[in-house]
Amino acid sequence: MDDLHFMRIALEEAQKAARKGEVPVGAVIVRDEEVLSRAHNLRETSHDPTAHAEVLAIREAARKLRNWRLLDSVLYVTKEPCPMCAAAIVHARIKRVVYGCRDPKGGAVESLYNILSDRRLNHQVEFSSGVLEEESAEILKGFFRERRQTPS
């Protein structure tokens, strides 16, 4: 299995979020080719500002492993993580992040900040971007296009 396979699972999660009226971001955490957790945004549904796909996936993987250290795991996410999620990724000791599209207004991996590679922190995270970038960007664009066209 490869990055494309797991990113497609993250895209499935993003589609679940969109169907719920949530910003369509999906995340999957994998270790040794096994999916430890998968999640999608649930901020609106749960009334929780921290219910980003990445944070929910990290919580579930840690619960499953009974360990907050997610060593040797890879997080696949459809959109570049925000500062909150990037900090959670560093704290969880995730080895690598693979994401689809950049977030020019809030991205904390490359776009606005470089939290995952900041040498001042006690852990750095490898990352790859642009994996299924067009599909990841399109689901977001389509979601917001539809919201602008639908009266409240």
Protein backbone atom coordinates (compact mmCIF):
# COMPACT_ATOMS: atom_id res chain seq x y z
CA MET A 1 0.00 0.00 0.00
CA ASP A 2 1.14 3.52 -0.59
CA ASP A 3 0.39 7.17 0.11
CA LEU A 4 -2.31 7.31 -2.58
CA HIS A 5 -4.22 4.42 -1.00
CA PHE A 6 -4.33 6.01 2.45
CA MET A 7 -5.02 9.49 1.08
CA ARG A 8 -8.08 8.08 -0.68
CA ILE A 9 -9.34 6.89 2.70
CA ALA A 10 -8.79 10.41 4.04
CA LEU A 11 -10.80 11.75 1.09
CA GLU A 12 -13.64 9.35 1.98
CA GLU A 13 -13.61 10.86 5.46
CA ALA A 14 -13.70 14.37 3.99
CA GLN A 15 -16.78 13.41 1.98
CA LYS A 16 -18.47 12.19 5.19
CA ALA A 17 -17.78 15.59 6.74
CA ALA A 18 -19.28 17.40 3.75
CA ARG A 19 -22.47 15.33 3.96
CA LYS A 20 -22.81 16.44 7.59
CA GLY A 21 -22.33 20.11 6.68
CA GLU A 22 -18.82 20.13 8.13
CA VAL A 23 -15.80 21.61 6.37
CA PRO A 24 -14.64 18.57 4.37
CA VAL A 25 -11.33 17.56 5.86
CA GLY A 26 -10.48 13.92 6.50
CA ALA A 27 -7.60 12.27 8.31
CA VAL A 28 -6.21 8.76 8.71
CA ILE A 29 -3.41 7.52 10.96
CA VAL A 30 -1.46 4.48 9.80
CA ARG A 31 1.30 2.40 11.37
CA ASP A 32 2.85 -0.68 9.78
CA GLU A 33 0.29 -0.53 6.94
CA GLU A 34 -2.57 -0.75 9.47
CA VAL A 35 -5.17 1.99 9.79
CA LEU A 36 -5.19 2.95 13.47
CA SER A 37 -7.85 5.62 13.14
CA ARG A 38 -9.82 7.67 10.66
CA ALA A 39 -11.78 10.83 11.31
CA HIS A 40 -13.32 13.91 9.76
CA ASN A 41 -14.11 17.39 10.97
CA LEU A 42 -16.90 17.52 13.56
CA ARG A 43 -16.69 21.08 14.89
CA GLU A 44 -20.26 22.00 13.99
CA THR A 45 -21.75 18.65 15.00
CA SER A 46 -19.96 18.45 18.35
CA HIS A 47 -19.88 22.20 19.09
CA ASP A 48 -16.17 21.75 19.76
CA PRO A 49 -13.61 24.11 18.23
CA THR A 50 -10.89 21.47 18.62
CA ALA A 51 -12.80 18.76 16.71
CA HIS A 52 -10.57 18.95 13.64
CA ALA A 53 -10.06 15.72 11.71
CA GLU A 54 -6.40 15.49 12.72
CA VAL A 55 -7.06 15.95 16.45
CA LEU A 56 -9.89 13.41 16.42
CA ALA A 57 -7.73 10.88 14.57
CA ILE A 58 -4.85 11.44 17.01
CA ARG A 59 -7.14 10.94 20.00
CA GLU A 60 -8.57 7.71 18.58
CA ALA A 61 -5.16 6.27 17.63
CA ALA A 62 -3.75 7.07 21.08
CA ARG A 63 -6.78 5.45 22.70
CA LYS A 64 -6.40 2.36 20.52
CA LEU A 65 -2.68 2.04 21.28
CA ARG A 66 -3.15 3.06 24.92
CA ASN A 67 -0.22 5.42 24.41
CA TRP A 68 -0.05 9.13 23.55
CA ARG A 69 3.19 8.56 21.66
CA LEU A 70 2.25 7.67 18.09
CA LEU A 71 5.81 6.78 17.15
CA ASP A 72 6.40 5.43 13.65
CA SER A 73 2.91 6.46 12.53
CA VAL A 74 1.90 8.44 9.47
CA LEU A 75 -0.95 10.93 9.40
CA TYR A 76 -2.72 11.40 6.07
CA VAL A 77 -4.89 14.50 5.86
CA THR A 78 -6.62 16.17 2.94
CA LYS A 79 -5.65 19.74 3.86
CA GLU A 80 -2.51 21.26 5.35
CA PRO A 81 -2.82 21.20 9.15
CA CYS A 82 -3.52 24.40 11.08
CA PRO A 83 -1.32 25.56 14.01
CA MET A 84 -3.42 23.68 16.59
CA CYS A 85 -3.27 20.43 14.64
CA ALA A 86 0.42 20.85 13.81
CA ALA A 87 1.18 21.27 17.52
CA ALA A 88 -0.86 18.14 18.33
CA ILE A 89 1.06 16.23 15.64
CA VAL A 90 4.40 17.27 17.17
CA HIS A 91 3.23 16.44 20.71
CA ALA A 92 1.98 13.00 19.57
CA ARG A 93 5.43 12.26 18.10
CA ILE A 94 3.98 11.32 14.73
CA LYS A 95 6.78 10.40 12.34
CA ARG A 96 5.38 11.72 9.05
CA VAL A 97 2.48 13.76 7.68
CA VAL A 98 1.16 13.46 4.15
CA TYR A 99 -1.35 16.07 3.04
CA GLY A 100 -3.27 16.99 -0.06
CA CYS A 101 -3.70 20.71 -0.59
CA ARG A 102 -2.08 23.70 1.02
CA ASP A 103 -4.01 26.12 3.22
CA PRO A 104 -2.75 29.60 2.33
CA LYS A 105 -4.85 31.22 5.10
CA GLY A 106 -4.04 28.89 7.98
CA GLY A 107 -1.49 26.25 7.04
CA ALA A 108 1.14 25.53 9.65
CA VAL A 109 3.35 23.08 7.75
CA GLU A 110 4.54 25.24 4.84
CA SER A 111 2.08 28.00 3.97
CA LEU A 112 2.17 30.35 6.96
CA TYR A 113 4.22 28.52 9.57
CA ASN A 114 6.71 25.65 9.64
CA ILE A 115 5.76 24.05 12.95
CA LEU A 116 6.51 20.45 11.92
CA SER A 117 10.10 21.27 10.96
CA ASP A 118 10.86 23.89 13.62
CA ARG A 119 14.20 22.87 15.17
CA ARG A 120 13.37 24.80 18.35
CA LEU A 121 10.80 22.12 19.21
CA ASN A 122 11.74 18.77 20.73
CA HIS A 123 10.37 16.73 17.80
CA GLN A 124 10.35 17.32 14.05
CA VAL A 125 7.98 15.62 11.66
CA GLU A 126 8.71 14.59 8.08
CA PHE A 127 6.08 15.67 5.59
CA SER A 128 4.98 15.34 1.99
CA SER A 129 2.48 17.63 0.32
CA GLY A 130 0.48 17.59 -2.87
CA VAL A 131 -0.71 13.97 -2.65
CA LEU A 132 -4.11 13.93 -4.41
CA GLU A 133 -3.91 17.70 -4.22
CA GLU A 134 -6.52 18.42 -6.89
CA GLU A 135 -9.09 16.07 -5.37
CA SER A 136 -8.48 17.48 -1.89
CA ALA A 137 -8.79 21.07 -3.09
CA GLU A 138 -11.88 20.36 -5.19
CA ILE A 139 -13.89 18.88 -2.35
CA LEU A 140 -13.20 22.04 -0.32
CA LYS A 141 -13.94 24.40 -3.22
CA GLY A 142 -17.16 22.55 -4.03
CA PHE A 143 -18.30 22.65 -0.40
CA PHE A 144 -17.78 26.41 -0.09
CA ARG A 145 -19.22 27.09 -3.55
CA GLU A 146 -22.40 25.27 -2.53
CA ARG A 147 -22.59 27.13 0.78
CA ARG A 148 -22.35 30.49 -0.99
CA GLN A 149 -25.16 29.52 -3.38
CA THR A 150 -27.50 28.11 -0.72
CA PRO A 151 -29.44 30.72 1.24
CA SER A 152 -29.12 30.39 5.02
